[in-house]
Amino acid sequence: MPSIASTAIQWINQHPPDGYTAHGSTPDPRPERYITVQRSGGVRDRYRDDAMLIVQVNAPTRSQAADTAEQVADLLLDMWQLPEIADVEIHSIADVSLNGPPVEHRYQITVEITTTT
């Protein structure tokens, strides 16, 4: 079974917000708009995986990052439609912009995705 982070990246890229693509790490060269998805923890046993993911939305402005993060959170909640997904919970959506220089406008979604193994 592919990693849940890879599944989330594929899901976002199949339904992308305008001008965004999702990646497992920061692309090089760095585009103006992009999304990163990484597993940050979670509990896994023989029958299920409760994966905690960090999804970061990078945008030209803070308001664009915030709006796009809301769209991406809604996309992630729709992952229940995949047969291997048992549950999706958004734990937080937070501003994690860097004041720079250079300034980087970024919002972070913490999401728990449960799969059955």
PDB file of N, CA and C in Angstrom:
ATOM      1  N   MET A   1       0.848  -1.168   0.000  1.00  0.00           N
ATOM      2  CA  MET A   1       0.000   0.000   0.000  1.00  0.00           C
ATOM      3  C   MET A   1       0.902   1.242   0.000  1.00  0.00           C
ATOM      4  N   PRO A   2       0.597   2.250  -0.870  1.00  0.00           N
ATOM      5  CA  PRO A   2       1.410   3.477  -0.857  1.00  0.00           C
ATOM      6  C   PRO A   2       1.237   4.223   0.467  1.00  0.00           C
ATOM      7  N   SER A   3       2.202   5.070   0.781  1.00  0.00           N
ATOM      8  CA  SER A   3       2.106   5.841   2.023  1.00  0.00           C
ATOM      9  C   SER A   3       0.900   6.771   1.961  1.00  0.00           C
ATOM     10  N   ILE A   4       0.341   7.068   3.121  1.00  0.00           N
ATOM     11  CA  ILE A   4      -0.816   7.956   3.163  1.00  0.00           C
ATOM     12  C   ILE A   4      -0.439   9.358   2.704  1.00  0.00           C
ATOM     13  N   ALA A   5       0.806   9.779   2.934  1.00  0.00           N
ATOM     14  CA  ALA A   5       1.244  11.085   2.429  1.00  0.00           C
ATOM     15  C   ALA A   5       1.211  11.086   0.901  1.00  0.00           C
ATOM     16  N   SER A   6       1.679  10.013   0.277  1.00  0.00           N
ATOM     17  CA  SER A   6       1.641   9.910  -1.189  1.00  0.00           C
ATOM     18  C   SER A   6       0.206   9.904  -1.698  1.00  0.00           C
ATOM     19  N   THR A   7      -0.671   9.198  -0.990  1.00  0.00           N
ATOM     20  CA  THR A   7      -2.085   9.167  -1.373  1.00  0.00           C
ATOM     21  C   THR A   7      -2.695  10.564  -1.274  1.00  0.00           C
ATOM     22  N   ALA A   8      -2.370  11.305  -0.214  1.00  0.00           N
ATOM     23  CA  ALA A   8      -2.889  12.672  -0.051  1.00  0.00           C
ATOM     24  C   ALA A   8      -2.359  13.589  -1.151  1.00  0.00           C
ATOM     25  N   ILE A   9      -1.086  13.456  -1.500  1.00  0.00           N
ATOM     26  CA  ILE A   9      -0.509  14.265  -2.585  1.00  0.00           C
ATOM     27  C   ILE A   9      -1.242  13.985  -3.890  1.00  0.00           C
ATOM     28  N   GLN A  10      -1.455  12.712  -4.201  1.00  0.00           N
ATOM     29  CA  GLN A  10      -2.173  12.356  -5.427  1.00  0.00           C
ATOM     30  C   GLN A  10      -3.593  12.913  -5.412  1.00  0.00           C
ATOM     31  N   TRP A  11      -4.264  12.813  -4.265  1.00  0.00           N
ATOM     32  CA  TRP A  11      -5.643  13.304  -4.143  1.00  0.00           C
ATOM     33  C   TRP A  11      -5.696  14.815  -4.393  1.00  0.00           C
ATOM     34  N   ILE A  12      -4.805  15.556  -3.757  1.00  0.00           N
ATOM     35  CA  ILE A  12      -4.782  17.013  -3.946  1.00  0.00           C
ATOM     36  C   ILE A  12      -4.491  17.349  -5.403  1.00  0.00           C
ATOM     37  N   ASN A  13      -3.542  16.646  -6.019  1.00  0.00           N
ATOM     38  CA  ASN A  13      -3.181  16.943  -7.410  1.00  0.00           C
ATOM     39  C   ASN A  13      -4.263  16.535  -8.403  1.00  0.00           C
ATOM     40  N   GLN A  14      -5.166  15.650  -8.020  1.00  0.00           N
ATOM     41  CA  GLN A  14      -6.308  15.304  -8.872  1.00  0.00           C
ATOM     42  C   GLN A  14      -7.418  16.347  -8.769  1.00  0.00           C
ATOM     43  N   HIS A  15      -7.396  17.152  -7.722  1.00  0.00           N
ATOM     44  CA  HIS A  15      -8.423  18.175  -7.467  1.00  0.00           C
ATOM     45  C   HIS A  15      -7.741  19.472  -7.026  1.00  0.00           C
ATOM     46  N   PRO A  16      -6.758  19.973  -7.771  1.00  0.00           N
ATOM     47  CA  PRO A  16      -5.921  21.063  -7.240  1.00  0.00           C
ATOM     48  C   PRO A  16      -6.622  22.419  -7.194  1.00  0.00           C
ATOM     49  N   PRO A  17      -6.338  23.199  -6.154  1.00  0.00           N
ATOM     50  CA  PRO A  17      -6.731  24.607  -6.190  1.00  0.00           C
ATOM     51  C   PRO A  17      -5.975  25.276  -7.344  1.00  0.00           C
ATOM     52  N   ASP A  18      -6.554  26.303  -7.941  1.00  0.00           N
ATOM     53  CA  ASP A  18      -5.952  26.965  -9.109  1.00  0.00           C
ATOM     54  C   ASP A  18      -4.513  27.380  -8.855  1.00  0.00           C
ATOM     55  N   GLY A  19      -3.612  26.920  -9.735  1.00  0.00           N
ATOM     56  CA  GLY A  19      -2.223  27.347  -9.683  1.00  0.00           C
ATOM     57  C   GLY A  19      -1.352  26.592  -8.702  1.00  0.00           C
ATOM     58  N   TYR A  20      -1.888  25.568  -8.029  1.00  0.00           N
ATOM     59  CA  TYR A  20      -1.140  24.843  -7.000  1.00  0.00           C
ATOM     60  C   TYR A  20      -0.896  23.398  -7.418  1.00  0.00           C
ATOM     61  N   THR A  21       0.238  22.866  -6.975  1.00  0.00           N
ATOM     62  CA  THR A  21       0.506  21.437  -7.047  1.00  0.00           C
ATOM     63  C   THR A  21       1.055  21.002  -5.694  1.00  0.00           C
ATOM     64  N   ALA A  22       0.798  19.752  -5.352  1.00  0.00           N
ATOM     65  CA  ALA A  22       1.256  19.210  -4.069  1.00  0.00           C
ATOM     66  C   ALA A  22       2.519  18.383  -4.275  1.00  0.00           C
ATOM     67  N   HIS A  23       3.400  18.421  -3.279  1.00  0.00           N
ATOM     68  CA  HIS A  23       4.703  17.754  -3.338  1.00  0.00           C
ATOM     69  C   HIS A  23       5.035  17.160  -1.972  1.00  0.00           C
ATOM     70  N   GLY A  24       6.001  16.237  -1.959  1.00  0.00           N
ATOM     71  CA  GLY A  24       6.475  15.657  -0.712  1.00  0.00           C
ATOM     72  C   GLY A  24       7.514  16.513  -0.015  1.00  0.00           C
ATOM     73  N   SER A  25       8.095  17.459  -0.744  1.00  0.00           N
ATOM     74  CA  SER A  25       9.062  18.407  -0.176  1.00  0.00           C
ATOM     75  C   SER A  25       9.015  19.679  -1.013  1.00  0.00           C
ATOM     76  N   THR A  26       9.693  20.711  -0.559  1.00  0.00           N
ATOM     77  CA  THR A  26       9.694  21.985  -1.282  1.00  0.00           C
ATOM     78  C   THR A  26      10.349  21.801  -2.646  1.00  0.00           C
ATOM     79  N   PRO A  27       9.634  22.158  -3.720  1.00  0.00           N
ATOM     80  CA  PRO A  27      10.204  21.997  -5.061  1.00  0.00           C
ATOM     81  C   PRO A  27      11.394  22.933  -5.285  1.00  0.00           C
ATOM     82  N   ASP A  28      12.307  22.506  -6.148  1.00  0.00           N
ATOM     83  CA  ASP A  28      13.458  23.326  -6.521  1.00  0.00           C
ATOM     84  C   ASP A  28      13.516  23.365  -8.043  1.00  0.00           C
ATOM     85  N   PRO A  29      13.305  24.526  -8.658  1.00  0.00           N
ATOM     86  CA  PRO A  29      13.149  25.843  -8.040  1.00  0.00           C
ATOM     87  C   PRO A  29      11.780  25.981  -7.372  1.00  0.00           C
ATOM     88  N   ARG A  30      11.736  26.865  -6.397  1.00  0.00           N
ATOM     89  CA  ARG A  30      10.535  27.085  -5.600  1.00  0.00           C
ATOM     90  C   ARG A  30       9.533  27.938  -6.376  1.00  0.00           C
ATOM     91  N   PRO A  31       8.335  27.379  -6.672  1.00  0.00           N
ATOM     92  CA  PRO A  31       7.311  28.180  -7.356  1.00  0.00           C
ATOM     93  C   PRO A  31       6.653  29.177  -6.398  1.00  0.00           C
ATOM     94  N   GLU A  32       5.870  30.072  -6.962  1.00  0.00           N
ATOM     95  CA  GLU A  32       5.181  31.075  -6.148  1.00  0.00           C
ATOM     96  C   GLU A  32       4.089  30.444  -5.276  1.00  0.00           C
ATOM     97  N   ARG A  33       3.433  29.395  -5.821  1.00  0.00           N
ATOM     98  CA  ARG A  33       2.350  28.704  -5.114  1.00  0.00           C
ATOM     99  C   ARG A  33       2.651  27.212  -5.105  1.00  0.00           C
ATOM    100  N   TYR A  34       2.596  26.598  -3.938  1.00  0.00           N
ATOM    101  CA  TYR A  34       2.755  25.147  -3.877  1.00  0.00           C
ATOM    102  C   TYR A  34       2.278  24.632  -2.522  1.00  0.00           C
ATOM    103  N   ILE A  35       2.093  23.324  -2.461  1.00  0.00           N
ATOM    104  CA  ILE A  35       1.615  22.645  -1.258  1.00  0.00           C
ATOM    105  C   ILE A  35       2.600  21.520  -0.951  1.00  0.00           C
ATOM    106  N   THR A  36       2.963  21.372   0.313  1.00  0.00           N
ATOM    107  CA  THR A  36       3.772  20.223   0.717  1.00  0.00           C
ATOM    108  C   THR A  36       2.977  19.354   1.688  1.00  0.00           C
ATOM    109  N   VAL A  37       3.212  18.051   1.607  1.00  0.00           N
ATOM    110  CA  VAL A  37       2.540  17.080   2.468  1.00  0.00           C
ATOM    111  C   VAL A  37       3.606  16.166   3.057  1.00  0.00           C
ATOM    112  N   GLN A  38       3.624  16.073   4.384  1.00  0.00           N
ATOM    113  CA  GLN A  38       4.591  15.203   5.061  1.00  0.00           C
ATOM    114  C   GLN A  38       3.933  14.537   6.257  1.00  0.00           C
ATOM    115  N   ARG A  39       4.301  13.305   6.486  1.00  0.00           N
ATOM    116  CA  ARG A  39       3.819  12.612   7.688  1.00  0.00           C
ATOM    117  C   ARG A  39       4.631  13.095   8.881  1.00  0.00           C
ATOM    118  N   SER A  40       3.934  13.430   9.959  1.00  0.00           N
ATOM    119  CA  SER A  40       4.628  13.907  11.159  1.00  0.00           C
ATOM    120  C   SER A  40       4.493  12.951  12.337  1.00  0.00           C
ATOM    121  N   GLY A  41       3.724  11.890  12.175  1.00  0.00           N
ATOM    122  CA  GLY A  41       3.555  10.925  13.257  1.00  0.00           C
ATOM    123  C   GLY A  41       2.284  10.129  13.085  1.00  0.00           C
ATOM    124  N   GLY A  42       1.817   9.577  14.176  1.00  0.00           N
ATOM    125  CA  GLY A  42       0.604   8.778  14.161  1.00  0.00           C
ATOM    126  C   GLY A  42       0.848   7.388  14.715  1.00  0.00           C
ATOM    127  N   VAL A  43      -0.236   6.675  14.926  1.00  0.00           N
ATOM    128  CA  VAL A  43      -0.184   5.332  15.493  1.00  0.00           C
ATOM    129  C   VAL A  43      -0.547   4.326  14.410  1.00  0.00           C
ATOM    130  N   ARG A  44       0.233   3.262  14.334  1.00  0.00           N
ATOM    131  CA  ARG A  44      -0.042   2.216  13.358  1.00  0.00           C
ATOM    132  C   ARG A  44      -0.009   0.870  14.071  1.00  0.00           C
ATOM    133  N   ASP A  45      -1.004   0.051  13.778  1.00  0.00           N
ATOM    134  CA  ASP A  45      -0.966  -1.316  14.276  1.00  0.00           C
ATOM    135  C   ASP A  45      -1.200  -2.260  13.107  1.00  0.00           C
ATOM    136  N   ARG A  46      -1.483  -3.497  13.411  1.00  0.00           N
ATOM    137  CA  ARG A  46      -1.623  -4.498  12.364  1.00  0.00           C
ATOM    138  C   ARG A  46      -2.823  -4.244  11.452  1.00  0.00           C
ATOM    139  N   TYR A  47      -3.838  -3.551  11.948  1.00  0.00           N
ATOM    140  CA  TYR A  47      -5.093  -3.433  11.221  1.00  0.00           C
ATOM    141  C   TYR A  47      -5.439  -2.033  10.736  1.00  0.00           C
ATOM    142  N   ARG A  48      -4.779  -1.028  11.282  1.00  0.00           N
ATOM    143  CA  ARG A  48      -5.094   0.337  10.853  1.00  0.00           C
ATOM    144  C   ARG A  48      -3.902   1.252  11.068  1.00  0.00           C
ATOM    145  N   ASP A  49      -3.966   2.377  10.373  1.00  0.00           N
ATOM    146  CA  ASP A  49      -2.912   3.390  10.458  1.00  0.00           C
ATOM    147  C   ASP A  49      -3.589   4.733  10.687  1.00  0.00           C
ATOM    148  N   ASP A  50      -3.309   5.366  11.822  1.00  0.00           N
ATOM    149  CA  ASP A  50      -3.801   6.717  12.116  1.00  0.00           C
ATOM    150  C   ASP A  50      -2.646   7.675  11.853  1.00  0.00           C
ATOM    151  N   ALA A  51      -2.544   8.141  10.631  1.00  0.00           N
ATOM    152  CA  ALA A  51      -1.410   8.974  10.223  1.00  0.00           C
ATOM    153  C   ALA A  51      -1.696  10.444  10.496  1.00  0.00           C
ATOM    154  N   MET A  52      -0.753  11.119  11.123  1.00  0.00           N
ATOM    155  CA  MET A  52      -0.828  12.564  11.320  1.00  0.00           C
ATOM    156  C   MET A  52       0.009  13.201  10.214  1.00  0.00           C
ATOM    157  N   LEU A  53      -0.621  14.063   9.415  1.00  0.00           N
ATOM    158  CA  LEU A  53       0.066  14.732   8.315  1.00  0.00           C
ATOM    159  C   LEU A  53       0.112  16.229   8.552  1.00  0.00           C
ATOM    160  N   ILE A  54       1.200  16.837   8.095  1.00  0.00           N
ATOM    161  CA  ILE A  54       1.335  18.288   8.052  1.00  0.00           C
ATOM    162  C   ILE A  54       1.249  18.685   6.584  1.00  0.00           C
ATOM    163  N   VAL A  55       0.276  19.526   6.273  1.00  0.00           N
ATOM    164  CA  VAL A  55       0.075  20.015   4.907  1.00  0.00           C
ATOM    165  C   VAL A  55       0.291  21.523   4.945  1.00  0.00           C
ATOM    166  N   GLN A  56       1.264  22.007   4.189  1.00  0.00           N
ATOM    167  CA  GLN A  56       1.556  23.443   4.181  1.00  0.00           C
ATOM    168  C   GLN A  56       1.232  24.036   2.814  1.00  0.00           C
ATOM    169  N   VAL A  57       0.521  25.157   2.856  1.00  0.00           N
ATOM    170  CA  VAL A  57       0.143  25.891   1.649  1.00  0.00           C
ATOM    171  C   VAL A  57       0.969  27.167   1.597  1.00  0.00           C
ATOM    172  N   ASN A  58       1.753  27.318   0.543  1.00  0.00           N
ATOM    173  CA  ASN A  58       2.607  28.493   0.340  1.00  0.00           C
ATOM    174  C   ASN A  58       2.012  29.330  -0.783  1.00  0.00           C
ATOM    175  N   ALA A  59       1.908  30.644  -0.557  1.00  0.00           N
ATOM    176  CA  ALA A  59       1.229  31.518  -1.510  1.00  0.00           C
ATOM    177  C   ALA A  59       1.881  32.894  -1.536  1.00  0.00           C
ATOM    178  N   PRO A  60       1.549  33.698  -2.568  1.00  0.00           N
ATOM    179  CA  PRO A  60       2.119  35.043  -2.663  1.00  0.00           C
ATOM    180  C   PRO A  60       1.679  35.987  -1.544  1.00  0.00           C
ATOM    181  N   THR A  61       0.471  35.777  -0.992  1.00  0.00           N
ATOM    182  CA  THR A  61      -0.016  36.639   0.089  1.00  0.00           C
ATOM    183  C   THR A  61      -0.560  35.779   1.227  1.00  0.00           C
ATOM    184  N   ARG A  62      -0.630  36.364   2.404  1.00  0.00           N
ATOM    185  CA  ARG A  62      -1.153  35.651   3.567  1.00  0.00           C
ATOM    186  C   ARG A  62      -2.618  35.277   3.360  1.00  0.00           C
ATOM    187  N   SER A  63      -3.397  36.177   2.788  1.00  0.00           N
ATOM    188  CA  SER A  63      -4.819  35.875   2.587  1.00  0.00           C
ATOM    189  C   SER A  63      -5.009  34.763   1.561  1.00  0.00           C
ATOM    190  N   GLN A  64      -4.171  34.719   0.522  1.00  0.00           N
ATOM    191  CA  GLN A  64      -4.260  33.623  -0.451  1.00  0.00           C
ATOM    192  C   GLN A  64      -3.887  32.294   0.202  1.00  0.00           C
ATOM    193  N   ALA A  65      -2.876  32.308   1.052  1.00  0.00           N
ATOM    194  CA  ALA A  65      -2.490  31.083   1.761  1.00  0.00           C
ATOM    195  C   ALA A  65      -3.633  30.610   2.658  1.00  0.00           C
ATOM    196  N   ALA A  66      -4.278  31.531   3.357  1.00  0.00           N
ATOM    197  CA  ALA A  66      -5.389  31.184   4.247  1.00  0.00           C
ATOM    198  C   ALA A  66      -6.565  30.618   3.463  1.00  0.00           C
ATOM    199  N   ASP A  67      -6.955  31.306   2.387  1.00  0.00           N
ATOM    200  CA  ASP A  67      -8.090  30.845   1.581  1.00  0.00           C
ATOM    201  C   ASP A  67      -7.815  29.485   0.955  1.00  0.00           C
ATOM    202  N   THR A  68      -6.609  29.307   0.443  1.00  0.00           N
ATOM    203  CA  THR A  68      -6.260  28.037  -0.196  1.00  0.00           C
ATOM    204  C   THR A  68      -6.183  26.919   0.838  1.00  0.00           C
ATOM    205  N   ALA A  69      -5.691  27.210   2.030  1.00  0.00           N
ATOM    206  CA  ALA A  69      -5.650  26.198   3.091  1.00  0.00           C
ATOM    207  C   ALA A  69      -7.059  25.709   3.427  1.00  0.00           C
ATOM    208  N   GLU A  70      -8.026  26.603   3.440  1.00  0.00           N
ATOM    209  CA  GLU A  70      -9.418  26.194   3.688  1.00  0.00           C
ATOM    210  C   GLU A  70      -9.906  25.266   2.575  1.00  0.00           C
ATOM    211  N   GLN A  71      -9.567  25.590   1.316  1.00  0.00           N
ATOM    212  CA  GLN A  71      -9.949  24.734   0.190  1.00  0.00           C
ATOM    213  C   GLN A  71      -9.297  23.359   0.303  1.00  0.00           C
ATOM    214  N   VAL A  72      -8.014  23.351   0.642  1.00  0.00           N
ATOM    215  CA  VAL A  72      -7.286  22.086   0.756  1.00  0.00           C
ATOM    216  C   VAL A  72      -7.839  21.252   1.913  1.00  0.00           C
ATOM    217  N   ALA A  73      -8.185  21.879   3.018  1.00  0.00           N
ATOM    218  CA  ALA A  73      -8.777  21.147   4.142  1.00  0.00           C
ATOM    219  C   ALA A  73     -10.071  20.463   3.705  1.00  0.00           C
ATOM    220  N   ASP A  74     -10.901  21.176   2.941  1.00  0.00           N
ATOM    221  CA  ASP A  74     -12.133  20.570   2.425  1.00  0.00           C
ATOM    222  C   ASP A  74     -11.823  19.399   1.496  1.00  0.00           C
ATOM    223  N   LEU A  75     -10.794  19.560   0.653  1.00  0.00           N
ATOM    224  CA  LEU A  75     -10.367  18.457  -0.229  1.00  0.00           C
ATOM    225  C   LEU A  75      -9.959  17.236   0.587  1.00  0.00           C
ATOM    226  N   LEU A  76      -9.171  17.463   1.621  1.00  0.00           N
ATOM    227  CA  LEU A  76      -8.707  16.354   2.450  1.00  0.00           C
ATOM    228  C   LEU A  76      -9.877  15.641   3.129  1.00  0.00           C
ATOM    229  N   LEU A  77     -10.859  16.401   3.592  1.00  0.00           N
ATOM    230  CA  LEU A  77     -12.030  15.784   4.222  1.00  0.00           C
ATOM    231  C   LEU A  77     -12.778  14.875   3.256  1.00  0.00           C
ATOM    232  N   ASP A  78     -12.690  15.163   1.956  1.00  0.00           N
ATOM    233  CA  ASP A  78     -13.354  14.337   0.944  1.00  0.00           C
ATOM    234  C   ASP A  78     -12.611  13.040   0.634  1.00  0.00           C
ATOM    235  N   MET A  79     -11.434  12.845   1.221  1.00  0.00           N
ATOM    236  CA  MET A  79     -10.686  11.611   0.958  1.00  0.00           C
ATOM    237  C   MET A  79     -11.399  10.366   1.480  1.00  0.00           C
ATOM    238  N   TRP A  80     -12.433  10.526   2.299  1.00  0.00           N
ATOM    239  CA  TRP A  80     -13.211   9.376   2.769  1.00  0.00           C
ATOM    240  C   TRP A  80     -13.758   8.577   1.592  1.00  0.00           C
ATOM    241  N   GLN A  81     -13.846   9.222   0.414  1.00  0.00           N
ATOM    242  CA  GLN A  81     -14.381   8.550  -0.770  1.00  0.00           C
ATOM    243  C   GLN A  81     -13.460   7.438  -1.280  1.00  0.00           C
ATOM    244  N   LEU A  82     -12.189   7.475  -0.897  1.00  0.00           N
ATOM    245  CA  LEU A  82     -11.262   6.420  -1.296  1.00  0.00           C
ATOM    246  C   LEU A  82     -11.533   5.172  -0.452  1.00  0.00           C
ATOM    247  N   PRO A  83     -11.501   3.986  -1.064  1.00  0.00           N
ATOM    248  CA  PRO A  83     -11.880   2.775  -0.321  1.00  0.00           C
ATOM    249  C   PRO A  83     -10.999   2.464   0.887  1.00  0.00           C
ATOM    250  N   GLU A  84      -9.734   2.864   0.859  1.00  0.00           N
ATOM    251  CA  GLU A  84      -8.836   2.541   1.971  1.00  0.00           C
ATOM    252  C   GLU A  84      -8.920   3.538   3.127  1.00  0.00           C
ATOM    253  N   ILE A  85      -9.653   4.647   2.945  1.00  0.00           N
ATOM    254  CA  ILE A  85      -9.738   5.690   3.975  1.00  0.00           C
ATOM    255  C   ILE A  85     -10.958   5.448   4.856  1.00  0.00           C
ATOM    256  N   ALA A  86     -10.712   5.315   6.163  1.00  0.00           N
ATOM    257  CA  ALA A  86     -11.800   5.099   7.118  1.00  0.00           C
ATOM    258  C   ALA A  86     -12.294   6.404   7.727  1.00  0.00           C
ATOM    259  N   ASP A  87     -11.386   7.391   7.910  1.00  0.00           N
ATOM    260  CA  ASP A  87     -11.780   8.642   8.555  1.00  0.00           C
ATOM    261  C   ASP A  87     -10.739   9.719   8.273  1.00  0.00           C
ATOM    262  N   VAL A  88     -11.200  10.973   8.257  1.00  0.00           N
ATOM    263  CA  VAL A  88     -10.319  12.135   8.091  1.00  0.00           C
ATOM    264  C   VAL A  88     -10.764  13.193   9.092  1.00  0.00           C
ATOM    265  N   GLU A  89      -9.815  13.715   9.864  1.00  0.00           N
ATOM    266  CA  GLU A  89     -10.108  14.781  10.822  1.00  0.00           C
ATOM    267  C   GLU A  89      -9.089  15.898  10.666  1.00  0.00           C
ATOM    268  N   ILE A  90      -9.580  17.123  10.556  1.00  0.00           N
ATOM    269  CA  ILE A  90      -8.703  18.289  10.545  1.00  0.00           C
ATOM    270  C   ILE A  90      -8.513  18.715  12.000  1.00  0.00           C
ATOM    271  N   HIS A  91      -7.269  18.736  12.464  1.00  0.00           N
ATOM    272  CA  HIS A  91      -6.984  19.131  13.844  1.00  0.00           C
ATOM    273  C   HIS A  91      -6.730  20.630  13.963  1.00  0.00           C
ATOM    274  N   SER A  92      -6.126  21.229  12.932  1.00  0.00           N
ATOM    275  CA  SER A  92      -5.909  22.676  12.992  1.00  0.00           C
ATOM    276  C   SER A  92      -5.580  23.223  11.611  1.00  0.00           C
ATOM    277  N   ILE A  93      -5.852  24.510  11.459  1.00  0.00           N
ATOM    278  CA  ILE A  93      -5.416  25.300  10.304  1.00  0.00           C
ATOM    279  C   ILE A  93      -4.799  26.554  10.910  1.00  0.00           C
ATOM    280  N   ALA A  94      -3.506  26.754  10.681  1.00  0.00           N
ATOM    281  CA  ALA A  94      -2.800  27.831  11.383  1.00  0.00           C
ATOM    282  C   ALA A  94      -1.864  28.585  10.453  1.00  0.00           C
ATOM    283  N   ASP A  95      -1.696  29.864  10.741  1.00  0.00           N
ATOM    284  CA  ASP A  95      -0.738  30.708  10.031  1.00  0.00           C
ATOM    285  C   ASP A  95       0.661  30.399  10.558  1.00  0.00           C
ATOM    286  N   VAL A  96       1.537  29.944   9.679  1.00  0.00           N
ATOM    287  CA  VAL A  96       2.932  29.674  10.055  1.00  0.00           C
ATOM    288  C   VAL A  96       3.875  30.427   9.111  1.00  0.00           C
ATOM    289  N   SER A  97       3.442  31.624   8.699  1.00  0.00           N
ATOM    290  CA  SER A  97       4.249  32.447   7.794  1.00  0.00           C
ATOM    291  C   SER A  97       5.590  32.786   8.424  1.00  0.00           C
ATOM    292  N   LEU A  98       6.591  32.961   7.573  1.00  0.00           N
ATOM    293  CA  LEU A  98       7.922  33.385   8.012  1.00  0.00           C
ATOM    294  C   LEU A  98       8.085  34.856   7.670  1.00  0.00           C
ATOM    295  N   ASN A  99       8.496  35.656   8.640  1.00  0.00           N
ATOM    296  CA  ASN A  99       8.606  37.097   8.431  1.00  0.00           C
ATOM    297  C   ASN A  99       9.831  37.503   7.625  1.00  0.00           C
ATOM    298  N   GLY A 100      10.743  36.578   7.400  1.00  0.00           N
ATOM    299  CA  GLY A 100      11.853  36.803   6.497  1.00  0.00           C
ATOM    300  C   GLY A 100      12.929  37.711   7.033  1.00  0.00           C
ATOM    301  N   PRO A 101      13.761  38.273   6.187  1.00  0.00           N
ATOM    302  CA  PRO A 101      13.566  38.232   4.740  1.00  0.00           C
ATOM    303  C   PRO A 101      14.070  36.928   4.135  1.00  0.00           C
ATOM    304  N   PRO A 102      13.519  36.477   3.047  1.00  0.00           N
ATOM    305  CA  PRO A 102      12.292  36.989   2.436  1.00  0.00           C
ATOM    306  C   PRO A 102      11.058  36.506   3.204  1.00  0.00           C
ATOM    307  N   VAL A 103       9.990  37.253   3.109  1.00  0.00           N
ATOM    308  CA  VAL A 103       8.723  36.877   3.733  1.00  0.00           C
ATOM    309  C   VAL A 103       8.157  35.678   2.978  1.00  0.00           C
ATOM    310  N   GLU A 104       7.692  34.680   3.716  1.00  0.00           N
ATOM    311  CA  GLU A 104       7.038  33.517   3.116  1.00  0.00           C
ATOM    312  C   GLU A 104       5.663  33.373   3.752  1.00  0.00           C
ATOM    313  N   HIS A 105       4.626  33.470   2.921  1.00  0.00           N
ATOM    314  CA  HIS A 105       3.248  33.351   3.397  1.00  0.00           C
ATOM    315  C   HIS A 105       2.850  31.879   3.337  1.00  0.00           C
ATOM    316  N   ARG A 106       2.498  31.329   4.503  1.00  0.00           N
ATOM    317  CA  ARG A 106       2.268  29.887   4.595  1.00  0.00           C
ATOM    318  C   ARG A 106       1.210  29.600   5.653  1.00  0.00           C
ATOM    319  N   TYR A 107       0.291  28.708   5.317  1.00  0.00           N
ATOM    320  CA  TYR A 107      -0.671  28.187   6.284  1.00  0.00           C
ATOM    321  C   TYR A 107      -0.460  26.692   6.409  1.00  0.00           C
ATOM    322  N   GLN A 108      -0.648  26.181   7.612  1.00  0.00           N
ATOM    323  CA  GLN A 108      -0.403  24.767   7.884  1.00  0.00           C
ATOM    324  C   GLN A 108      -1.678  24.086   8.358  1.00  0.00           C
ATOM    325  N   ILE A 109      -1.966  22.955   7.744  1.00  0.00           N
ATOM    326  CA  ILE A 109      -3.097  22.112   8.125  1.00  0.00           C
ATOM    327  C   ILE A 109      -2.529  20.879   8.819  1.00  0.00           C
ATOM    328  N   THR A 110      -3.036  20.579   9.993  1.00  0.00           N
ATOM    329  CA  THR A 110      -2.696  19.328  10.662  1.00  0.00           C
ATOM    330  C   THR A 110      -3.909  18.420  10.512  1.00  0.00           C
ATOM    331  N   VAL A 111      -3.699  17.275   9.879  1.00  0.00           N
ATOM    332  CA  VAL A 111      -4.809  16.378   9.559  1.00  0.00           C
ATOM    333  C   VAL A 111      -4.454  14.956   9.983  1.00  0.00           C
ATOM    334  N   GLU A 112      -5.439  14.263  10.527  1.00  0.00           N
ATOM    335  CA  GLU A 112      -5.279  12.849  10.863  1.00  0.00           C
ATOM    336  C   GLU A 112      -6.115  12.036   9.887  1.00  0.00           C
ATOM    337  N   ILE A 113      -5.463  11.109   9.213  1.00  0.00           N
ATOM    338  CA  ILE A 113      -6.142  10.262   8.240  1.00  0.00           C
ATOM    339  C   ILE A 113      -5.994   8.815   8.695  1.00  0.00           C
ATOM    340  N   THR A 114      -7.130   8.143   8.840  1.00  0.00           N
ATOM    341  CA  THR A 114      -7.138   6.754   9.281  1.00  0.00           C
ATOM    342  C   THR A 114      -7.385   5.845   8.093  1.00  0.00           C
ATOM    343  N   THR A 115      -6.485   4.878   7.923  1.00  0.00           N
ATOM    344  CA  THR A 115      -6.648   3.871   6.875  1.00  0.00           C
ATOM    345  C   THR A 115      -6.741   2.502   7.536  1.00  0.00           C
ATOM    346  N   THR A 116      -7.387   1.599   6.836  1.00  0.00           N
ATOM    347  CA  THR A 116      -7.413   0.217   7.296  1.00  0.00           C
ATOM    348  C   THR A 116      -6.373  -0.553   6.505  1.00  0.00           C
ATOM    349  N   THR A 117      -5.637  -1.410   7.184  1.00  0.00           N
ATOM    350  CA  THR A 117      -4.574  -2.160   6.504  1.00  0.00           C
ATOM    351  C   THR A 117      -4.989  -3.592   6.258  1.00  0.00           C
TER     352      THR A 117
END
